[in-house]
Structure formats: C-alpha cells, structure tokens
Amino acid sequence: MKTRMKELRSRLDITQADLAKMVGVRRETIVFLEQGKYNPSLGLAHRVARALESTIEDVFIFDD
C-alpha cells in the first residue's frame, strides 16, 4: 500500500508527532504507515484522513 500522508502532512504543516497525537497512536505507527509497512484498520484510516482534511481514498492508495 502506498500513501500520500507525508505530502498531505507537509501541506498542513503537521509533524508525524502531531498527527500521531491527533489520531491516538504512537509516532512510530505514523512512520510505518508512511513507509507502507503497516496497513491501518478502517478506523485508523478514517481518523488519519480526517486529520489530514482529506478522504481515505486520497490518503491511501491500495494496490492489488
């Protein structure tokens, strides 16, 4: 899975630590999400998308 998290965070001037606090996870989780090493639950994907003022589809690119 690929993400646009870093790009969207930068646009909003949000650090990984800030985003982690906003969605209730550790900063390391955000790092793993951005690297595509962790697939989020639907709930976490929704919280991340809302925090980044975007949609799940815009943040996460699910490839087959």
Protein backbone atom coordinates (compact mmCIF):
# COMPACT_ATOMS: atom_id res chain seq x y z
CA MET A 1 0.00 0.00 0.00
CA LYS A 2 1.19 3.48 -0.81
CA THR A 3 0.21 6.67 0.96
CA ARG A 4 0.22 10.40 0.40
CA MET A 5 0.45 11.06 4.14
CA LYS A 6 3.80 12.85 4.06
CA GLU A 7 2.70 15.13 1.24
CA LEU A 8 -0.60 15.96 2.95
CA ARG A 9 1.09 16.47 6.33
CA SER A 10 3.56 18.89 4.76
CA ARG A 11 0.76 20.84 3.12
CA LEU A 12 -0.88 21.32 6.52
CA ASP A 13 2.45 21.80 8.35
CA ILE A 14 1.77 18.84 10.66
CA THR A 15 4.63 16.75 12.08
CA GLN A 16 4.50 12.99 12.47
CA ALA A 17 4.25 13.50 16.24
CA ASP A 18 1.38 15.97 15.81
CA LEU A 19 -0.53 13.59 13.56
CA ALA A 20 0.08 10.68 15.92
CA LYS A 21 -1.36 12.67 18.82
CA MET A 22 -4.35 13.77 16.73
CA VAL A 23 -5.29 10.19 15.81
CA GLY A 24 -4.30 8.49 19.07
CA VAL A 25 -1.30 6.38 18.03
CA ARG A 26 2.46 6.42 18.56
CA ARG A 27 4.69 8.37 16.17
CA GLU A 28 6.26 5.08 15.08
CA THR A 29 2.88 3.97 13.75
CA ILE A 30 2.75 7.06 11.55
CA VAL A 31 6.29 6.30 10.30
CA PHE A 32 5.28 2.73 9.39
CA LEU A 33 2.11 3.93 7.69
CA GLU A 34 4.05 6.46 5.61
CA GLN A 35 6.57 3.78 4.60
CA GLY A 36 3.80 1.39 3.58
CA LYS A 37 4.92 -1.16 6.17
CA TYR A 38 1.65 -1.14 8.09
CA ASN A 39 -1.92 -1.45 6.86
CA PRO A 40 -4.25 0.61 9.04
CA SER A 41 -7.59 -0.52 10.36
CA LEU A 42 -10.57 1.19 8.80
CA GLY A 43 -10.99 3.28 11.94
CA LEU A 44 -7.39 4.47 11.92
CA ALA A 45 -7.51 5.19 8.18
CA HIS A 46 -10.62 7.30 8.77
CA ARG A 47 -9.03 9.24 11.65
CA VAL A 48 -5.87 9.90 9.62
CA ALA A 49 -7.86 11.08 6.61
CA ARG A 50 -9.97 13.43 8.75
CA ALA A 51 -6.86 14.82 10.47
CA LEU A 52 -5.32 15.46 7.06
CA GLU A 53 -8.54 17.10 5.83
CA SER A 54 -8.86 14.52 3.09
CA THR A 55 -10.60 11.28 2.21
CA ILE A 56 -9.33 7.76 2.80
CA GLU A 57 -9.04 7.28 -0.96
CA ASP A 58 -6.88 10.39 -1.29
CA VAL A 59 -4.55 9.38 1.55
CA PHE A 60 -4.16 5.64 0.97
CA ILE A 61 -3.54 4.03 -2.39
CA PHE A 62 -4.44 0.36 -2.22
CA ASP A 63 -2.71 -1.62 -4.94
CA ASP A 64 -3.67 -5.14 -5.95
